[in-house]
Amino acid sequence: MIAMKNILVATDFGEAADIALTYGRELARRFDATLHVLHVAENVYITAFGAETYASFAPDLQRDIEQNAKRKLLEAVMDSDGSGPRTIPAVMTSSSPAFAIIDYAREHDIDLVIMGTHGRGTLGHLLMGSVAERVVRLASCPVLTTRQAERDFVHPDGLVAVREPAQARQ
């Protein structure tokens, strides 16, 4: 028997991440698990200026990035009718999204990580790397990756109800 108490969806607010969130909500609901939704905000101190350089506008810029991420995350996890799973939104700041996701999963006893992947080609992968690939390789729990509308197995209840009787007749 598979038992899941904590499911983590890592989001960059892209299309593939939206699909991952749909999967996460459904799995959390079916397993009565807590859904953690994490966004890793860029650390402008490291990324833009280097570790040893300081710019006077960086504190405001970093705060604005984090506040914007929190606002977008709260919009993404909003459950207007209260029928969804228990949800914990979280924003972390890091220069390495993959390691931040892995650390969060370990610290919160996550049973499954779900995240979108952009499915870049070979050249794009070589140049940019893959956060999803690093998480898959290094996470201590299973990782489910989703892509943009390839093959969806989460369907609205109405579609399942309509499709099932047709299949039973065959």
Protein backbone atom coordinates (compact mmCIF):
# COMPACT_ATOMS: atom_id res chain seq x y z
CA MET A 1 0.00 0.00 0.00
CA ILE A 2 1.26 3.46 -0.88
CA ALA A 3 0.89 6.01 1.90
CA MET A 4 1.57 9.67 1.28
CA LYS A 5 1.25 12.31 3.96
CA ASN A 6 3.15 15.17 2.32
CA ILE A 7 3.30 15.99 -1.38
CA LEU A 8 5.44 18.81 -2.74
CA VAL A 9 4.78 20.68 -5.96
CA ALA A 10 7.67 22.88 -7.04
CA THR A 11 6.52 25.74 -9.25
CA ASP A 12 8.11 28.37 -11.46
CA PHE A 13 4.59 29.56 -12.42
CA GLY A 14 4.94 28.21 -15.97
CA GLU A 15 2.53 25.99 -17.92
CA ALA A 16 4.29 22.75 -16.99
CA ALA A 17 4.22 23.80 -13.32
CA ASP A 18 0.47 24.47 -13.57
CA ILE A 19 -0.02 20.92 -14.79
CA ALA A 20 2.16 19.64 -11.93
CA LEU A 21 -0.05 21.56 -9.49
CA THR A 22 -3.16 19.90 -10.96
CA TYR A 23 -1.56 16.49 -10.41
CA GLY A 24 -0.44 17.46 -6.91
CA ARG A 25 -3.90 18.63 -5.88
CA GLU A 26 -5.54 15.44 -7.13
CA LEU A 27 -2.99 13.10 -5.54
CA ALA A 28 -3.10 15.01 -2.24
CA ARG A 29 -6.89 14.85 -2.25
CA ARG A 30 -6.95 11.12 -3.00
CA PHE A 31 -4.33 10.27 -0.38
CA ASP A 32 -5.64 12.82 2.16
CA ALA A 33 -2.14 14.31 2.16
CA THR A 34 -0.92 17.81 2.85
CA LEU A 35 0.05 19.64 -0.33
CA HIS A 36 3.15 21.81 -0.10
CA VAL A 37 3.59 24.26 -3.00
CA LEU A 38 7.08 25.76 -3.24
CA HIS A 39 8.49 28.53 -5.38
CA VAL A 40 12.22 29.23 -5.25
CA ALA A 41 12.84 32.93 -5.80
CA GLU A 42 16.06 34.03 -7.43
CA ASN A 43 18.72 35.34 -5.06
CA VAL A 44 19.73 38.63 -6.69
CA TYR A 45 22.74 39.05 -4.40
CA ILE A 46 24.43 36.00 -5.93
CA THR A 47 22.92 35.94 -9.41
CA ALA A 48 23.15 39.57 -10.45
CA PHE A 49 26.03 40.97 -8.45
CA GLY A 50 28.25 38.09 -7.39
CA ALA A 51 28.81 37.01 -3.81
CA GLU A 52 31.34 39.72 -3.03
CA THR A 53 29.61 42.72 -4.64
CA TYR A 54 26.92 44.84 -3.04
CA ALA A 55 24.48 47.23 -4.67
CA SER A 56 22.41 49.62 -2.60
CA PHE A 57 19.16 48.84 -4.46
CA ALA A 58 19.49 45.06 -3.98
CA PRO A 59 17.58 44.84 -0.67
CA ASP A 60 14.51 46.46 -2.25
CA LEU A 61 14.84 44.39 -5.41
CA GLN A 62 15.12 41.13 -3.44
CA ARG A 63 12.13 42.06 -1.27
CA ASP A 64 10.08 42.93 -4.38
CA ILE A 65 10.95 39.60 -6.03
CA GLU A 66 9.93 37.66 -2.91
CA GLN A 67 6.69 39.62 -2.39
CA ASN A 68 5.71 39.15 -6.03
CA ALA A 69 6.42 35.41 -5.76
CA LYS A 70 4.31 35.13 -2.59
CA ARG A 71 1.42 36.96 -4.27
CA LYS A 72 1.55 34.72 -7.35
CA LEU A 73 1.83 31.62 -5.18
CA LEU A 74 -1.22 32.56 -3.10
CA GLU A 75 -3.18 33.12 -6.32
CA ALA A 76 -2.07 29.72 -7.66
CA VAL A 77 -3.12 27.78 -4.55
CA MET A 78 -6.37 29.66 -3.94
CA ASP A 79 -9.20 27.20 -3.26
CA SER A 80 -12.40 29.21 -3.55
CA ASP A 81 -14.78 26.43 -2.53
CA GLY A 82 -12.61 24.77 0.14
CA SER A 83 -12.81 21.34 -1.48
CA GLY A 84 -9.08 20.97 -2.08
CA PRO A 85 -6.41 19.40 0.12
CA ARG A 86 -4.66 21.11 3.03
CA THR A 87 -2.15 23.38 1.31
CA ILE A 88 1.03 25.01 2.57
CA PRO A 89 2.45 27.67 0.22
CA ALA A 90 6.16 28.43 0.64
CA VAL A 91 8.67 30.77 -0.98
CA MET A 92 12.39 30.24 -0.52
CA THR A 93 15.26 32.33 -1.86
CA SER A 94 18.22 30.52 -3.33
CA SER A 95 20.73 30.66 -6.15
CA SER A 96 20.14 26.92 -6.72
CA PRO A 97 16.46 25.99 -7.16
CA ALA A 98 17.22 22.26 -7.35
CA PHE A 99 19.05 22.18 -4.03
CA ALA A 100 16.39 24.36 -2.39
CA ILE A 101 13.67 21.92 -3.52
CA ILE A 102 15.70 18.93 -2.27
CA ASP A 103 16.36 20.61 1.08
CA TYR A 104 12.69 21.54 1.51
CA ALA A 105 11.63 17.98 0.72
CA ARG A 106 14.04 16.55 3.28
CA GLU A 107 13.15 19.07 6.01
CA HIS A 108 9.39 18.54 5.61
CA ASP A 109 9.30 14.74 5.21
CA ILE A 110 7.96 14.95 1.67
CA ASP A 111 6.82 11.61 0.24
CA LEU A 112 6.56 12.73 -3.41
CA VAL A 113 7.85 15.72 -5.37
CA ILE A 114 5.91 16.78 -8.46
CA MET A 115 7.33 19.32 -10.86
CA GLY A 116 7.02 20.44 -14.42
CA THR A 117 9.78 20.10 -16.95
CA HIS A 118 10.17 22.26 -20.02
CA GLY A 119 11.43 19.41 -22.19
CA ARG A 120 14.21 21.43 -23.76
CA GLY A 121 16.20 19.89 -26.58
CA THR A 122 19.75 18.64 -26.18
CA LEU A 123 21.41 22.00 -26.83
CA GLY A 124 19.11 23.87 -24.44
CA HIS A 125 19.70 21.23 -21.80
CA LEU A 126 23.47 21.45 -22.19
CA LEU A 127 23.46 25.25 -22.01
CA MET A 128 20.90 25.74 -19.25
CA GLY A 129 20.88 22.48 -17.32
CA SER A 130 17.71 21.10 -15.81
CA VAL A 131 16.36 21.75 -12.35
CA ALA A 132 14.00 18.78 -12.73
CA GLU A 133 16.83 16.46 -13.73
CA ARG A 134 18.91 17.45 -10.69
CA VAL A 135 15.94 16.93 -8.38
CA VAL A 136 15.22 13.51 -9.92
CA ARG A 137 18.85 12.46 -9.45
CA LEU A 138 19.37 13.81 -5.95
CA ALA A 139 16.04 13.71 -4.10
CA SER A 140 15.59 11.06 -1.43
CA CYS A 141 11.93 10.52 -2.40
CA PRO A 142 10.19 9.74 -5.70
CA VAL A 143 9.83 12.59 -8.20
CA LEU A 144 7.04 12.85 -10.77
CA THR A 145 7.75 15.19 -13.68
CA THR A 146 5.06 16.58 -15.94
CA ARG A 147 5.23 18.24 -19.34
CA GLN A 148 2.83 20.54 -21.10
CA ALA A 149 -0.32 18.58 -22.03
CA GLU A 150 1.34 15.44 -23.39
CA ARG A 151 -0.87 12.84 -21.81
CA ASP A 152 -3.07 13.87 -18.95
CA PHE A 153 -4.45 11.36 -16.48
CA VAL A 154 -6.15 13.89 -14.24
CA HIS A 155 -9.57 14.71 -15.72
CA PRO A 156 -12.47 16.74 -14.36
CA ASP A 157 -15.04 14.48 -12.67
CA GLY A 158 -17.64 15.26 -15.37
CA LEU A 159 -15.40 13.91 -18.12
CA VAL A 160 -14.78 10.70 -16.19
CA ALA A 161 -18.50 10.18 -15.59
CA VAL A 162 -19.31 10.68 -19.28
CA ARG A 163 -16.46 8.51 -20.52
CA GLU A 164 -16.97 5.54 -18.16
CA PRO A 165 -20.47 4.51 -19.34
CA ALA A 166 -19.31 4.62 -22.98
CA GLN A 167 -16.41 2.31 -22.16
CA ALA A 168 -18.67 -0.07 -20.25
CA ARG A 169 -20.88 -0.53 -23.33
CA GLN A 170 -18.03 -1.70 -25.51
